[in-house]
């Protein structure tokens, strides 16, 4: 299909452009992330610059730039795999994510998908005008990749966040069971709606993240907000998740 390799290179260029730009916009967060991964601050500056240069190279010299991109992705993936294996919980905000979720196997899946794109970009001989079929193929592949990552991230959250259902809920000072505990954070854009819609509901406790509640967030394994935990009258967790279920939404 004429131009498919170059269309893949353009997609890869966009990914590196967004990733590099996000890191430079949030320099402090990038330094913290790299420090959490055991990397020096100078790497936090070098990596986004390399990503931006590579984004331009993929547009101008797609073939050989894809080779470098593939090598870079392999290096990133190897390093992240080691971090996941050793239980590193540093946030992976590579694309300026508002959630700042911890590094996990989801990043490995993402890099594997990008690696497939890079392999296709290797076939690009130079800048060209992709045929409509090539553009459609890349768009469909992008949507499929986003769906795969969304499913993987949902699975990750279900496995790693919140207290297990059926377990005893950690005690919270000033909260009696039964209760719907809502974990919120000041910097969370989607938390504002929860504050408004759930304020004053019976058996509902809004817990804001600050220095005094951080241990409670840790005890409940809450890593992204908003997060909801439903505890019955006996203190047993009956349901938990990043979104209200149908029963609570209808109240």
Protein backbone atom coordinates (compact mmCIF):
# COMPACT_ATOMS: atom_id res chain seq x y z
CA UNK A 1 0.00 0.00 0.00
CA UNK A 2 1.66 3.21 -1.17
CA UNK A 3 2.71 5.53 1.65
CA UNK A 4 1.81 3.21 4.53
CA UNK A 5 5.36 3.30 5.91
CA UNK A 6 5.50 7.08 5.80
CA UNK A 7 2.04 7.36 7.38
CA UNK A 8 3.32 5.15 10.20
CA UNK A 9 6.39 7.39 10.51
CA UNK A 10 4.14 10.46 10.82
CA UNK A 11 2.12 8.77 13.55
CA UNK A 12 5.31 7.91 15.40
CA UNK A 13 6.54 11.48 14.97
CA UNK A 14 3.32 12.76 16.56
CA UNK A 15 3.77 10.39 19.51
CA UNK A 16 7.34 11.56 20.16
CA UNK A 17 6.29 15.19 19.71
CA UNK A 18 3.55 14.87 22.33
CA UNK A 19 5.77 12.90 24.71
CA UNK A 20 8.72 15.29 24.45
CA UNK A 21 6.54 18.37 24.71
CA UNK A 22 4.71 17.03 27.78
CA UNK A 23 8.00 16.33 29.56
CA UNK A 24 9.36 19.81 28.84
CA UNK A 25 6.14 21.52 29.95
CA UNK A 26 6.24 19.69 33.27
CA UNK A 27 9.97 19.85 33.97
CA UNK A 28 9.56 19.38 37.73
CA UNK A 29 7.29 16.37 37.31
CA UNK A 30 9.65 14.86 34.75
CA UNK A 31 12.62 15.23 37.09
CA UNK A 32 10.65 13.60 39.92
CA UNK A 33 9.60 10.74 37.67
CA UNK A 34 13.13 10.09 36.44
CA UNK A 35 14.48 10.35 40.00
CA UNK A 36 11.91 7.77 41.10
CA UNK A 37 13.22 5.50 38.36
CA UNK A 38 16.77 6.01 39.59
CA UNK A 39 17.89 8.31 36.76
CA UNK A 40 19.79 11.62 37.15
CA UNK A 41 18.18 15.00 36.45
CA UNK A 42 20.24 15.56 33.29
CA UNK A 43 18.52 12.55 31.70
CA UNK A 44 15.18 14.25 32.35
CA UNK A 45 16.38 17.07 30.09
CA UNK A 46 18.10 14.95 27.45
CA UNK A 47 15.26 12.50 26.81
CA UNK A 48 12.56 15.04 25.80
CA UNK A 49 15.05 16.87 23.57
CA UNK A 50 15.93 13.59 21.85
CA UNK A 51 12.23 12.82 21.42
CA UNK A 52 11.54 16.18 19.79
CA UNK A 53 14.55 15.90 17.46
CA UNK A 54 13.46 12.39 16.53
CA UNK A 55 9.94 13.63 15.79
CA UNK A 56 11.35 16.04 13.21
CA UNK A 57 13.68 13.38 11.79
CA UNK A 58 10.78 10.97 11.28
CA UNK A 59 9.09 13.52 9.05
CA UNK A 60 12.20 14.37 7.00
CA UNK A 61 14.17 11.09 7.03
CA UNK A 62 11.57 8.49 8.05
CA UNK A 63 13.52 5.33 7.25
CA UNK A 64 16.67 5.77 9.30
CA UNK A 65 14.85 7.79 11.97
CA UNK A 66 12.50 4.82 12.47
CA UNK A 67 15.56 2.66 13.13
CA UNK A 68 16.65 5.03 15.90
CA UNK A 69 13.10 5.18 17.23
CA UNK A 70 12.93 1.40 17.38
CA UNK A 71 16.23 1.25 19.27
CA UNK A 72 15.04 3.97 21.67
CA UNK A 73 11.77 2.15 22.29
CA UNK A 74 13.68 -1.07 22.95
CA UNK A 75 15.88 0.72 25.49
CA UNK A 76 12.87 2.36 27.18
CA UNK A 77 11.02 -0.95 27.31
CA UNK A 78 13.97 -2.82 28.81
CA UNK A 79 14.42 -0.17 31.49
CA UNK A 80 10.68 -0.06 32.32
CA UNK A 81 10.51 -3.86 32.47
CA UNK A 82 13.26 -3.83 35.09
CA UNK A 83 11.43 -1.12 37.04
CA UNK A 84 8.18 -3.10 37.00
CA UNK A 85 10.00 -6.29 38.03
CA UNK A 86 11.59 -4.51 41.00
CA UNK A 87 8.30 -2.96 42.09
CA UNK A 88 9.13 0.67 41.34
CA UNK A 89 6.04 2.82 41.91
CA UNK A 90 7.25 6.06 40.35
CA UNK A 91 4.57 7.77 38.26
CA UNK A 92 4.88 7.31 34.51
CA UNK A 93 3.65 10.64 33.12
CA UNK A 94 5.35 10.22 29.74
CA UNK A 95 2.51 11.87 27.85
CA UNK A 96 1.48 14.46 30.41
CA UNK A 97 -1.25 12.23 31.81
CA UNK A 98 -3.41 13.89 34.45
CA UNK A 99 -3.59 10.61 36.34
CA UNK A 100 0.17 10.16 36.78
CA UNK A 101 -0.41 6.43 37.19
CA UNK A 102 2.53 4.35 38.46
CA UNK A 103 4.76 2.64 35.93
CA UNK A 104 3.35 -0.79 35.11
CA UNK A 105 3.08 -3.48 32.46
CA UNK A 106 0.66 -1.18 30.59
CA UNK A 107 3.66 0.93 29.52
CA UNK A 108 5.26 -2.25 28.15
CA UNK A 109 2.14 -2.93 26.07
CA UNK A 110 2.15 0.67 24.83
CA UNK A 111 5.80 0.47 23.79
CA UNK A 112 5.20 -2.86 22.05
CA UNK A 113 2.43 -1.27 19.98
CA UNK A 114 4.69 1.67 19.14
CA UNK A 115 7.37 -0.82 18.16
CA UNK A 116 5.00 -2.32 15.59
CA UNK A 117 4.45 1.16 14.17
CA UNK A 118 8.20 1.75 14.06
CA UNK A 119 8.77 -1.51 12.17
CA UNK A 120 6.29 -0.41 9.52
CA UNK A 121 7.94 3.03 9.38
CA UNK A 122 11.23 1.32 8.47
CA UNK A 123 9.77 0.70 5.01
CA UNK A 124 9.39 4.43 4.31
CA UNK A 125 11.91 5.51 1.66
CA UNK A 126 11.29 9.21 2.18
CA UNK A 127 8.57 11.85 2.50
CA UNK A 128 5.61 11.09 0.26
CA UNK A 129 1.90 11.69 0.03
CA UNK A 130 0.19 8.58 1.49
CA UNK A 131 -2.78 7.13 -0.38
CA UNK A 132 -6.15 7.29 1.31
CA UNK A 133 -5.99 3.58 2.11
CA UNK A 134 -2.74 4.06 4.01
CA UNK A 135 -4.21 6.92 6.02
CA UNK A 136 -7.32 4.90 6.86
CA UNK A 137 -5.17 1.93 7.90
CA UNK A 138 -3.10 4.05 10.27
CA UNK A 139 -6.20 5.73 11.74
CA UNK A 140 -7.90 2.39 12.36
CA UNK A 141 -4.70 0.96 13.86
CA UNK A 142 -4.42 4.00 16.14
CA UNK A 143 -7.98 3.60 17.39
CA UNK A 144 -7.43 -0.11 17.94
CA UNK A 145 -4.24 0.61 19.87
CA UNK A 146 -5.98 3.16 22.08
CA UNK A 147 -8.73 0.63 22.80
CA UNK A 148 -6.18 -2.03 23.73
CA UNK A 149 -4.38 0.39 26.06
CA UNK A 150 -7.67 1.47 27.66
CA UNK A 151 -8.57 -2.16 28.34
CA UNK A 152 -5.09 -2.87 29.70
CA UNK A 153 -5.17 0.19 31.95
CA UNK A 154 -8.59 -0.78 33.26
CA UNK A 155 -7.29 -4.25 34.06
CA UNK A 156 -4.23 -2.79 35.76
CA UNK A 157 -6.32 -0.55 37.94
CA UNK A 158 -8.65 -3.38 38.89
CA UNK A 159 -5.70 -5.51 39.99
CA UNK A 160 -3.52 -2.92 41.70
CA UNK A 161 -5.79 -0.25 43.18
CA UNK A 162 -8.19 -0.23 46.05
CA UNK A 163 -8.71 -2.73 48.88
CA UNK A 164 -9.80 -6.22 47.69
CA UNK A 165 -13.55 -6.77 47.74
CA UNK A 166 -14.53 -8.96 50.67
CA UNK A 167 -11.67 -7.68 52.82
CA UNK A 168 -11.91 -5.62 56.00
CA UNK A 169 -11.76 -1.90 55.27
CA UNK A 170 -8.95 -0.03 57.04
CA UNK A 171 -10.32 2.21 59.78
CA UNK A 172 -10.74 5.92 59.02
CA UNK A 173 -10.88 8.42 61.86
CA UNK A 174 -14.34 9.97 62.10
CA UNK A 175 -15.98 7.53 59.67
CA UNK A 176 -18.45 4.86 60.73
CA UNK A 177 -19.73 2.01 58.61
CA UNK A 178 -21.65 1.64 56.38
CA UNK A 179 -20.16 4.33 54.17
CA UNK A 180 -19.25 5.22 50.64
CA UNK A 181 -15.75 6.66 50.92
CA UNK A 182 -14.86 9.02 48.07
CA UNK A 183 -11.16 9.75 47.59
CA UNK A 184 -10.49 13.14 46.00
CA UNK A 185 -7.51 15.38 45.23
CA UNK A 186 -7.25 19.19 44.80
CA UNK A 187 -5.51 18.89 41.41
CA UNK A 188 -7.96 16.33 40.02
CA UNK A 189 -10.16 17.98 37.36
CA UNK A 190 -12.88 15.31 37.49
CA UNK A 191 -13.14 15.47 41.29
CA UNK A 192 -15.10 18.73 41.22
CA UNK A 193 -18.24 17.01 39.95
CA UNK A 194 -17.99 14.35 42.67
CA UNK A 195 -17.69 17.03 45.36
CA UNK A 196 -20.83 18.74 44.12
CA UNK A 197 -22.99 15.72 43.39
CA UNK A 198 -22.11 13.67 46.48
CA UNK A 199 -21.86 16.39 49.14
CA UNK A 200 -24.46 15.82 51.87
CA UNK A 201 -25.46 12.32 50.80
CA UNK A 202 -26.19 9.98 53.72
CA UNK A 203 -23.39 7.52 54.57
CA UNK A 204 -21.02 9.27 52.15
CA UNK A 205 -17.64 10.57 53.25
CA UNK A 206 -15.50 12.78 50.99
CA UNK A 207 -11.82 12.34 51.74
CA UNK A 208 -9.46 14.98 50.32
CA UNK A 209 -5.79 14.21 49.70
CA UNK A 210 -3.43 16.19 51.94
CA UNK A 211 -0.65 15.48 54.41
CA UNK A 212 -3.11 14.33 57.10
CA UNK A 213 -4.92 11.83 54.84
CA UNK A 214 -2.00 10.49 52.80
CA UNK A 215 -1.63 7.43 55.02
CA UNK A 216 -5.30 6.60 54.52
CA UNK A 217 -4.89 6.89 50.74
CA UNK A 218 -1.93 4.51 51.00
CA UNK A 219 -3.85 2.08 53.22
CA UNK A 220 -6.63 1.94 50.64
CA UNK A 221 -4.12 1.70 47.76
CA UNK A 222 -5.63 4.72 46.01
CA UNK A 223 -3.25 5.95 43.31
CA UNK A 224 -5.61 7.97 41.12
CA UNK A 225 -8.62 10.10 41.92
CA UNK A 226 -11.55 10.13 42.09
CA UNK A 227 -11.85 6.68 43.63
CA UNK A 228 -14.81 5.11 45.41
CA UNK A 229 -14.94 2.42 48.10
CA UNK A 230 -18.27 1.04 49.37
CA UNK A 231 -18.05 -0.46 52.87
CA UNK A 232 -20.99 -2.27 54.48
CA UNK A 233 -22.17 -2.07 58.09
CA UNK A 234 -19.79 -4.83 59.18
CA UNK A 235 -16.75 -3.00 57.76
CA UNK A 236 -16.32 -5.24 54.72
CA UNK A 237 -15.47 -3.79 51.31
CA UNK A 238 -18.33 -4.68 48.96
CA UNK A 239 -17.29 -2.68 45.90
CA UNK A 240 -14.55 -0.28 44.79
CA UNK A 241 -13.58 1.44 41.56
CA UNK A 242 -12.64 4.66 39.73
CA UNK A 243 -16.27 5.37 38.82
CA UNK A 244 -19.57 5.19 40.65
CA UNK A 245 -21.51 2.02 39.96
CA UNK A 246 -25.15 2.10 38.90
CA UNK A 247 -26.50 1.73 42.43
CA UNK A 248 -24.65 4.76 43.79
CA UNK A 249 -25.15 6.87 40.66
CA UNK A 250 -28.92 6.49 40.95
CA UNK A 251 -29.10 7.85 44.48
